């Protein structure tokens, strides 16, 4: 499973284990699975799609601005606003 955190300046919005997250990157949407290569990207206003299981329906969270970082610990999305 992929460790996923969504953080705003005010609070930690989410911290959970998920199957995949699709991030609205500034260069286009990108999906992050467990063991993804390290990457950093700015994000555009849009929706995060959070898949808790491989075949499940995604939960979406509207986000604005910020950036995403993938490292050996998982995916962290630092958004200016979420919700």
Protein backbone atom coordinates (compact mmCIF):
# COMPACT_ATOMS: atom_id res chain seq x y z
CA UNK A 1 0.00 0.00 0.00
CA UNK A 2 1.00 3.62 -0.59
CA UNK A 3 1.30 5.96 2.39
CA UNK A 4 -0.56 9.18 1.46
CA UNK A 5 -0.69 12.49 3.31
CA UNK A 6 -2.63 15.61 2.36
CA UNK A 7 -1.53 18.72 4.24
CA UNK A 8 -2.70 22.35 4.17
CA UNK A 9 -1.11 25.27 6.04
CA UNK A 10 -3.80 24.85 8.71
CA UNK A 11 -3.77 21.09 9.32
CA UNK A 12 -3.06 17.52 8.33
CA UNK A 13 -6.16 16.65 6.27
CA UNK A 14 -5.39 12.98 5.54
CA UNK A 15 -2.82 10.38 6.54
CA UNK A 16 -3.66 6.89 5.34
CA UNK A 17 -2.65 3.82 3.37
CA UNK A 18 -4.20 3.73 -0.11
CA UNK A 19 -3.81 1.83 -3.38
CA UNK A 20 -3.25 4.83 -5.70
CA UNK A 21 -3.64 8.61 -5.87
CA UNK A 22 -4.06 10.59 -9.09
CA UNK A 23 -2.60 14.10 -8.66
CA UNK A 24 -3.46 17.14 -10.83
CA UNK A 25 0.13 18.09 -11.69
CA UNK A 26 0.95 21.34 -13.44
CA UNK A 27 2.19 19.31 -16.45
CA UNK A 28 -0.80 16.95 -16.38
CA UNK A 29 -2.39 14.37 -14.11
CA UNK A 30 -0.16 11.60 -12.78
CA UNK A 31 -0.90 8.47 -10.80
CA UNK A 32 1.19 7.37 -7.83
CA UNK A 33 1.36 3.75 -6.73
CA UNK A 34 3.49 2.06 -4.07
CA UNK A 35 7.22 2.05 -5.00
CA UNK A 36 6.83 5.03 -7.38
CA UNK A 37 10.11 6.69 -8.35
CA UNK A 38 10.96 9.83 -6.33
CA UNK A 39 9.51 12.97 -7.92
CA UNK A 40 8.43 16.49 -7.05
CA UNK A 41 5.79 18.44 -8.96
CA UNK A 42 3.83 21.62 -8.61
CA UNK A 43 0.09 21.05 -8.68
CA UNK A 44 -2.68 22.94 -10.38
CA UNK A 45 -6.15 23.57 -9.02
CA UNK A 46 -8.14 20.38 -9.51
CA UNK A 47 -9.19 17.15 -7.85
CA UNK A 48 -7.14 14.47 -6.16
CA UNK A 49 -8.55 11.01 -6.89
CA UNK A 50 -7.89 8.60 -4.03
CA UNK A 51 -8.27 4.88 -4.73
CA UNK A 52 -8.40 2.84 -1.52
CA UNK A 53 -8.39 -0.45 -3.47
CA UNK A 54 -7.32 -1.49 -6.97
CA UNK A 55 -10.83 -1.84 -8.34
CA UNK A 56 -12.68 0.58 -6.06
CA UNK A 57 -14.32 3.85 -7.00
CA UNK A 58 -12.14 6.89 -6.25
CA UNK A 59 -12.87 9.46 -3.58
CA UNK A 60 -12.15 12.98 -4.85
CA UNK A 61 -10.93 15.98 -2.90
CA UNK A 62 -10.75 19.43 -4.48
CA UNK A 63 -7.36 21.09 -3.98
CA UNK A 64 -5.84 24.43 -4.91
CA UNK A 65 -2.18 25.15 -5.52
CA UNK A 66 0.88 23.70 -3.85
CA UNK A 67 3.10 20.77 -4.69
CA UNK A 68 3.41 17.00 -4.44
CA UNK A 69 6.42 14.97 -3.35
CA UNK A 70 6.94 11.23 -3.80
CA UNK A 71 9.78 9.64 -1.83
CA UNK A 72 10.57 6.31 -0.17
CA UNK A 73 8.01 7.10 2.56
CA UNK A 74 5.12 7.65 0.12
CA UNK A 75 3.21 10.61 -1.34
CA UNK A 76 2.78 13.96 0.36
CA UNK A 77 0.56 16.64 -1.17
CA UNK A 78 1.06 20.11 0.27
CA UNK A 79 -1.96 22.09 -0.92
CA UNK A 80 -2.80 25.73 -0.33
CA UNK A 81 -6.44 24.68 0.17
CA UNK A 82 -8.27 21.35 0.29
CA UNK A 83 -11.89 20.38 0.63
